[in-house]
Amino acid sequence: MEFTLIQTPSEFDALAADWNALLAESVTNVPFLRHEYLRAWWSTLGGGEWPRAEHSLSGDLAIVAATENGQLAGIAPLFLTDNLEGQPALMLLGSLEISDYLDLIARPDDLPAFVGGLLDFLARSGPSAWRALDWYNLPETSPTLPLLRAEAGKRGWVFTQENFRPAISVPLPGDLEVYLASI
């Protein structure tokens, strides 16, 4: 996989169609990962959730896109900001309160190679200021979590997983008609 750092809104915008096409096949396909949602989130930093400096956003766009054979294979929708502890951290676009579920965007078969390659890329070529990957709102069932744990361990990095503010979900049976018939 070839990895590229996306740092400008115009580069972010150029990914829209391919982003949503990949999301449709991703391990986690939720509305909070759609390009238009995260683009709107970025333009307001979550409606003001992240404080703004006097004349600039409090964060830098740091999306990592991976391609394989000319096709988009993975997206880490990231931005660089100070985390809640004041450390420079790479966080998922959509963090913290506004979006219920976030994750990396990759097909199930591509996810292991994407996670390993992503961590290598960030260590080697990512934004130089980051000290932590501080990712909120990954679903507890996300296959990204055990892969992150394993890949962090290979590098001697500390991996911590905790429930911050769980989002409750209720699985519904079948389609809308089946659900309506059941109530």
C-alpha atoms as a PDB file:
ATOM      1  CA  MET A   1       0.000   0.000   0.000  1.00  0.00           C
ATOM      2  CA  GLU A   2       1.087   3.543  -0.710  1.00  0.00           C
ATOM      3  CA  PHE A   3       0.248   6.080   2.005  1.00  0.00           C
ATOM      4  CA  THR A   4      -0.376   9.802   1.510  1.00  0.00           C
ATOM      5  CA  LEU A   5      -0.914  12.557   4.062  1.00  0.00           C
ATOM      6  CA  ILE A   6      -3.882  14.809   3.215  1.00  0.00           C
ATOM      7  CA  GLN A   7      -3.486  18.227   4.850  1.00  0.00           C
ATOM      8  CA  THR A   8      -5.627  20.681   2.896  1.00  0.00           C
ATOM      9  CA  PRO A   9      -9.391  21.068   2.533  1.00  0.00           C
ATOM     10  CA  SER A  10      -9.080  20.856  -1.271  1.00  0.00           C
ATOM     11  CA  GLU A  11      -7.269  17.491  -1.023  1.00  0.00           C
ATOM     12  CA  PHE A  12      -9.962  16.342   1.433  1.00  0.00           C
ATOM     13  CA  ASP A  13     -12.703  17.461  -0.979  1.00  0.00           C
ATOM     14  CA  ALA A  14     -11.103  15.592  -3.892  1.00  0.00           C
ATOM     15  CA  LEU A  15     -11.577  12.284  -2.042  1.00  0.00           C
ATOM     16  CA  ALA A  16     -15.375  12.592  -1.684  1.00  0.00           C
ATOM     17  CA  ALA A  17     -16.634  10.039  -4.224  1.00  0.00           C
ATOM     18  CA  ASP A  18     -13.912   7.450  -3.590  1.00  0.00           C
ATOM     19  CA  TRP A  19     -14.236   7.978   0.180  1.00  0.00           C
ATOM     20  CA  ASN A  20     -17.951   7.158   0.259  1.00  0.00           C
ATOM     21  CA  ALA A  21     -17.518   4.234  -2.153  1.00  0.00           C
ATOM     22  CA  LEU A  22     -14.876   2.726   0.150  1.00  0.00           C
ATOM     23  CA  LEU A  23     -17.025   3.432   3.211  1.00  0.00           C
ATOM     24  CA  ALA A  24     -19.857   1.393   1.670  1.00  0.00           C
ATOM     25  CA  GLU A  25     -17.550  -1.661   1.836  1.00  0.00           C
ATOM     26  CA  SER A  26     -15.769  -0.754   5.082  1.00  0.00           C
ATOM     27  CA  VAL A  27     -15.586  -2.742   8.320  1.00  0.00           C
ATOM     28  CA  THR A  28     -17.567   0.080   9.927  1.00  0.00           C
ATOM     29  CA  ASN A  29     -20.112   1.853   7.725  1.00  0.00           C
ATOM     30  CA  VAL A  30     -21.880   4.512   9.762  1.00  0.00           C
ATOM     31  CA  PRO A  31     -23.193   7.977   8.824  1.00  0.00           C
ATOM     32  CA  PHE A  32     -20.564   9.613  11.049  1.00  0.00           C
ATOM     33  CA  LEU A  33     -17.838   8.437   8.641  1.00  0.00           C
ATOM     34  CA  ARG A  34     -19.403   9.778   5.439  1.00  0.00           C
ATOM     35  CA  HIS A  35     -17.248  12.317   3.642  1.00  0.00           C
ATOM     36  CA  GLU A  36     -19.873  15.072   3.712  1.00  0.00           C
ATOM     37  CA  TYR A  37     -20.461  14.609   7.447  1.00  0.00           C
ATOM     38  CA  LEU A  38     -16.764  14.740   8.354  1.00  0.00           C
ATOM     39  CA  ARG A  39     -16.151  17.619   5.930  1.00  0.00           C
ATOM     40  CA  ALA A  40     -18.887  19.639   7.645  1.00  0.00           C
ATOM     41  CA  TRP A  41     -17.500  18.608  11.035  1.00  0.00           C
ATOM     42  CA  TRP A  42     -14.025  19.765  10.013  1.00  0.00           C
ATOM     43  CA  SER A  43     -15.259  23.132   8.741  1.00  0.00           C
ATOM     44  CA  THR A  44     -16.693  23.895  12.195  1.00  0.00           C
ATOM     45  CA  LEU A  45     -14.545  21.606  14.373  1.00  0.00           C
ATOM     46  CA  GLY A  46     -17.674  19.924  15.626  1.00  0.00           C
ATOM     47  CA  GLY A  47     -19.751  23.065  15.874  1.00  0.00           C
ATOM     48  CA  GLY A  48     -17.175  24.609  18.173  1.00  0.00           C
ATOM     49  CA  GLU A  49     -16.436  21.518  20.259  1.00  0.00           C
ATOM     50  CA  TRP A  50     -12.714  22.154  19.771  1.00  0.00           C
ATOM     51  CA  PRO A  51     -11.730  25.709  20.720  1.00  0.00           C
ATOM     52  CA  ARG A  52     -10.452  28.004  18.014  1.00  0.00           C
ATOM     53  CA  ALA A  53      -7.378  30.136  18.238  1.00  0.00           C
ATOM     54  CA  GLU A  54      -8.065  33.807  17.546  1.00  0.00           C
ATOM     55  CA  HIS A  55      -7.683  33.482  13.763  1.00  0.00           C
ATOM     56  CA  SER A  56      -7.318  29.773  13.049  1.00  0.00           C
ATOM     57  CA  LEU A  57      -8.716  26.364  13.788  1.00  0.00           C
ATOM     58  CA  SER A  58      -7.325  24.520  16.771  1.00  0.00           C
ATOM     59  CA  GLY A  59      -6.000  21.637  14.758  1.00  0.00           C
ATOM     60  CA  ASP A  60      -4.417  20.584  11.500  1.00  0.00           C
ATOM     61  CA  LEU A  61      -5.950  18.230   8.988  1.00  0.00           C
ATOM     62  CA  ALA A  62      -3.933  14.983   8.902  1.00  0.00           C
ATOM     63  CA  ILE A  63      -5.963  12.437   6.931  1.00  0.00           C
ATOM     64  CA  VAL A  64      -3.979   9.421   5.775  1.00  0.00           C
ATOM     65  CA  ALA A  65      -5.140   7.746   2.573  1.00  0.00           C
ATOM     66  CA  ALA A  66      -3.754   4.452   1.311  1.00  0.00           C
ATOM     67  CA  THR A  67      -3.962   3.219  -2.251  1.00  0.00           C
ATOM     68  CA  GLU A  68      -3.219  -0.160  -3.724  1.00  0.00           C
ATOM     69  CA  ASN A  69      -3.052  -0.750  -7.465  1.00  0.00           C
ATOM     70  CA  GLY A  70      -4.355   2.778  -8.004  1.00  0.00           C
ATOM     71  CA  GLN A  71      -7.483   2.225  -5.888  1.00  0.00           C
ATOM     72  CA  LEU A  72      -8.306   3.747  -2.511  1.00  0.00           C
ATOM     73  CA  ALA A  73      -7.805   0.959   0.047  1.00  0.00           C
ATOM     74  CA  GLY A  74      -7.889   2.726   3.409  1.00  0.00           C
ATOM     75  CA  ILE A  75      -8.536   6.058   5.093  1.00  0.00           C
ATOM     76  CA  ALA A  76      -7.528   7.217   8.544  1.00  0.00           C
ATOM     77  CA  PRO A  77      -9.652  10.372   8.989  1.00  0.00           C
ATOM     78  CA  LEU A  78      -7.343  12.209  11.385  1.00  0.00           C
ATOM     79  CA  PHE A  79      -6.501  15.667  12.598  1.00  0.00           C
ATOM     80  CA  LEU A  80      -3.672  16.899  14.814  1.00  0.00           C
ATOM     81  CA  THR A  81      -4.653  18.803  17.944  1.00  0.00           C
ATOM     82  CA  ASP A  82      -3.938  18.877  21.658  1.00  0.00           C
ATOM     83  CA  ASN A  83      -5.875  16.077  23.363  1.00  0.00           C
ATOM     84  CA  LEU A  84      -7.714  16.382  26.676  1.00  0.00           C
ATOM     85  CA  GLU A  85      -4.395  15.991  28.524  1.00  0.00           C
ATOM     86  CA  GLY A  86      -2.786  18.784  26.488  1.00  0.00           C
ATOM     87  CA  GLN A  87      -0.540  16.457  24.439  1.00  0.00           C
ATOM     88  CA  PRO A  88      -0.271  16.812  20.671  1.00  0.00           C
ATOM     89  CA  ALA A  89      -2.334  13.898  19.398  1.00  0.00           C
ATOM     90  CA  LEU A  90      -3.732  12.509  16.191  1.00  0.00           C
ATOM     91  CA  MET A  91      -7.463  12.221  16.736  1.00  0.00           C
ATOM     92  CA  LEU A  92     -10.268  10.965  14.538  1.00  0.00           C
ATOM     93  CA  LEU A  93     -12.247  13.620  12.695  1.00  0.00           C
ATOM     94  CA  GLY A  94     -15.610  13.771  14.410  1.00  0.00           C
ATOM     95  CA  SER A  95     -14.174  13.380  17.915  1.00  0.00           C
ATOM     96  CA  LEU A  96     -15.425  13.721  20.682  1.00  0.00           C
ATOM     97  CA  GLU A  97     -19.004  14.474  21.607  1.00  0.00           C
ATOM     98  CA  ILE A  98     -20.734  14.969  18.264  1.00  0.00           C
ATOM     99  CA  SER A  99     -20.190  11.604  16.546  1.00  0.00           C
ATOM    100  CA  ASP A 100     -21.354   8.379  18.159  1.00  0.00           C
ATOM    101  CA  TYR A 101     -19.240   5.966  16.093  1.00  0.00           C
ATOM    102  CA  LEU A 102     -15.909   6.523  14.350  1.00  0.00           C
ATOM    103  CA  ASP A 103     -13.288   4.173  12.943  1.00  0.00           C
ATOM    104  CA  LEU A 104     -10.744   3.677  10.219  1.00  0.00           C
ATOM    105  CA  ILE A 105     -12.224   3.149   6.768  1.00  0.00           C
ATOM    106  CA  ALA A 106     -11.084  -0.024   5.007  1.00  0.00           C
ATOM    107  CA  ARG A 107     -12.497  -3.220   3.576  1.00  0.00           C
ATOM    108  CA  PRO A 108     -12.262  -6.213   5.938  1.00  0.00           C
ATOM    109  CA  ASP A 109      -9.578  -7.933   3.833  1.00  0.00           C
ATOM    110  CA  ASP A 110      -7.479  -4.746   3.638  1.00  0.00           C
ATOM    111  CA  LEU A 111      -7.764  -3.690   7.285  1.00  0.00           C
ATOM    112  CA  PRO A 112      -4.825  -5.681   8.756  1.00  0.00           C
ATOM    113  CA  ALA A 113      -2.342  -4.398   6.156  1.00  0.00           C
ATOM    114  CA  PHE A 114      -3.806  -0.905   6.411  1.00  0.00           C
ATOM    115  CA  VAL A 115      -3.449  -0.703  10.204  1.00  0.00           C
ATOM    116  CA  GLY A 116       0.144  -1.971  10.184  1.00  0.00           C
ATOM    117  CA  GLY A 117       1.116   0.250   7.268  1.00  0.00           C
ATOM    118  CA  LEU A 118      -0.637   3.240   8.819  1.00  0.00           C
ATOM    119  CA  LEU A 119       1.324   2.993  12.065  1.00  0.00           C
ATOM    120  CA  ASP A 120       4.583   2.606  10.122  1.00  0.00           C
ATOM    121  CA  PHE A 121       3.688   5.609   7.963  1.00  0.00           C
ATOM    122  CA  LEU A 122       2.768   7.778  10.954  1.00  0.00           C
ATOM    123  CA  ALA A 123       6.000   6.886  12.756  1.00  0.00           C
ATOM    124  CA  ARG A 124       8.084   7.581   9.657  1.00  0.00           C
ATOM    125  CA  SER A 125       6.287  10.268   7.643  1.00  0.00           C
ATOM    126  CA  GLY A 126       3.300  11.548   9.603  1.00  0.00           C
ATOM    127  CA  PRO A 127       2.953  14.975  11.174  1.00  0.00           C
ATOM    128  CA  SER A 128       6.068  15.452  13.294  1.00  0.00           C
ATOM    129  CA  ALA A 129       4.395  16.960  16.348  1.00  0.00           C
ATOM    130  CA  TRP A 130       2.138  14.066  17.423  1.00  0.00           C
ATOM    131  CA  ARG A 131       2.819  12.107  20.622  1.00  0.00           C
ATOM    132  CA  ALA A 132      -0.343   9.987  20.886  1.00  0.00           C
ATOM    133  CA  LEU A 133      -3.079   8.401  18.825  1.00  0.00           C
ATOM    134  CA  ASP A 134      -6.111   9.361  20.876  1.00  0.00           C
ATOM    135  CA  TRP A 135      -9.106   7.767  19.166  1.00  0.00           C
ATOM    136  CA  TYR A 136     -12.576   8.024  20.637  1.00  0.00           C
ATOM    137  CA  ASN A 137     -15.881   6.424  19.685  1.00  0.00           C
ATOM    138  CA  LEU A 138     -14.670   3.249  17.979  1.00  0.00           C
ATOM    139  CA  PRO A 139     -17.372   0.603  18.277  1.00  0.00           C
ATOM    140  CA  GLU A 140     -16.458  -2.046  20.860  1.00  0.00           C
ATOM    141  CA  THR A 141     -16.931  -4.679  18.155  1.00  0.00           C
ATOM    142  CA  SER A 142     -14.641  -2.947  15.657  1.00  0.00           C
ATOM    143  CA  PRO A 143     -11.970  -5.262  14.224  1.00  0.00           C
ATOM    144  CA  THR A 144      -9.686  -2.219  14.273  1.00  0.00           C
ATOM    145  CA  LEU A 145      -9.226  -2.472  18.054  1.00  0.00           C
ATOM    146  CA  PRO A 146      -7.446  -5.857  18.274  1.00  0.00           C
ATOM    147  CA  LEU A 147      -5.351  -4.940  15.242  1.00  0.00           C
ATOM    148  CA  LEU A 148      -4.277  -1.667  16.879  1.00  0.00           C
ATOM    149  CA  ARG A 149      -3.411  -3.521  20.081  1.00  0.00           C
ATOM    150  CA  ALA A 150      -1.284  -6.068  18.198  1.00  0.00           C
ATOM    151  CA  GLU A 151       0.439  -3.511  15.962  1.00  0.00           C
ATOM    152  CA  ALA A 152       1.146  -1.155  18.881  1.00  0.00           C
ATOM    153  CA  GLY A 153       2.656  -4.080  20.803  1.00  0.00           C
ATOM    154  CA  LYS A 154       4.954  -4.935  17.882  1.00  0.00           C
ATOM    155  CA  ARG A 155       6.342  -1.402  18.060  1.00  0.00           C
ATOM    156  CA  GLY A 156       6.611  -1.243  21.847  1.00  0.00           C
ATOM    157  CA  TRP A 157       3.889   1.405  21.971  1.00  0.00           C
ATOM    158  CA  VAL A 158       1.418   1.625  24.843  1.00  0.00           C
ATOM    159  CA  PHE A 159      -2.166   0.683  23.935  1.00  0.00           C
ATOM    160  CA  THR A 160      -5.013   1.555  26.279  1.00  0.00           C
ATOM    161  CA  GLN A 161      -8.679   0.875  25.641  1.00  0.00           C
ATOM    162  CA  GLU A 162     -11.441   2.235  27.830  1.00  0.00           C
ATOM    163  CA  ASN A 163     -15.127   3.026  27.635  1.00  0.00           C
ATOM    164  CA  PHE A 164     -15.350   6.804  27.597  1.00  0.00           C
ATOM    165  CA  ARG A 165     -19.042   7.450  27.050  1.00  0.00           C
ATOM    166  CA  PRO A 166     -20.715   4.421  25.523  1.00  0.00           C
ATOM    167  CA  ALA A 167     -23.351   4.970  22.862  1.00  0.00           C
ATOM    168  CA  ILE A 168     -26.255   2.628  23.312  1.00  0.00           C
ATOM    169  CA  SER A 169     -27.457   0.752  20.265  1.00  0.00           C
ATOM    170  CA  VAL A 170     -30.490  -1.424  19.771  1.00  0.00           C
ATOM    171  CA  PRO A 171     -30.299  -3.937  16.927  1.00  0.00           C
ATOM    172  CA  LEU A 172     -33.530  -4.017  14.958  1.00  0.00           C
ATOM    173  CA  PRO A 173     -34.798  -7.184  13.287  1.00  0.00           C
ATOM    174  CA  GLY A 174     -34.843  -7.322   9.489  1.00  0.00           C
ATOM    175  CA  ASP A 175     -36.109  -4.353   7.538  1.00  0.00           C
ATOM    176  CA  LEU A 176     -38.527  -1.582   8.488  1.00  0.00           C
ATOM    177  CA  GLU A 177     -41.622  -3.661   7.739  1.00  0.00           C
ATOM    178  CA  VAL A 178     -40.419  -6.524   9.979  1.00  0.00           C
ATOM    179  CA  TYR A 179     -39.648  -4.042  12.754  1.00  0.00           C
ATOM    180  CA  LEU A 180     -43.042  -2.321  12.479  1.00  0.00           C
ATOM    181  CA  ALA A 181     -44.840  -5.668  12.548  1.00  0.00           C
ATOM    182  CA  SER A 182     -42.998  -6.565  15.763  1.00  0.00           C
ATOM    183  CA  ILE A 183     -44.144  -3.549  17.799  1.00  0.00           C
END
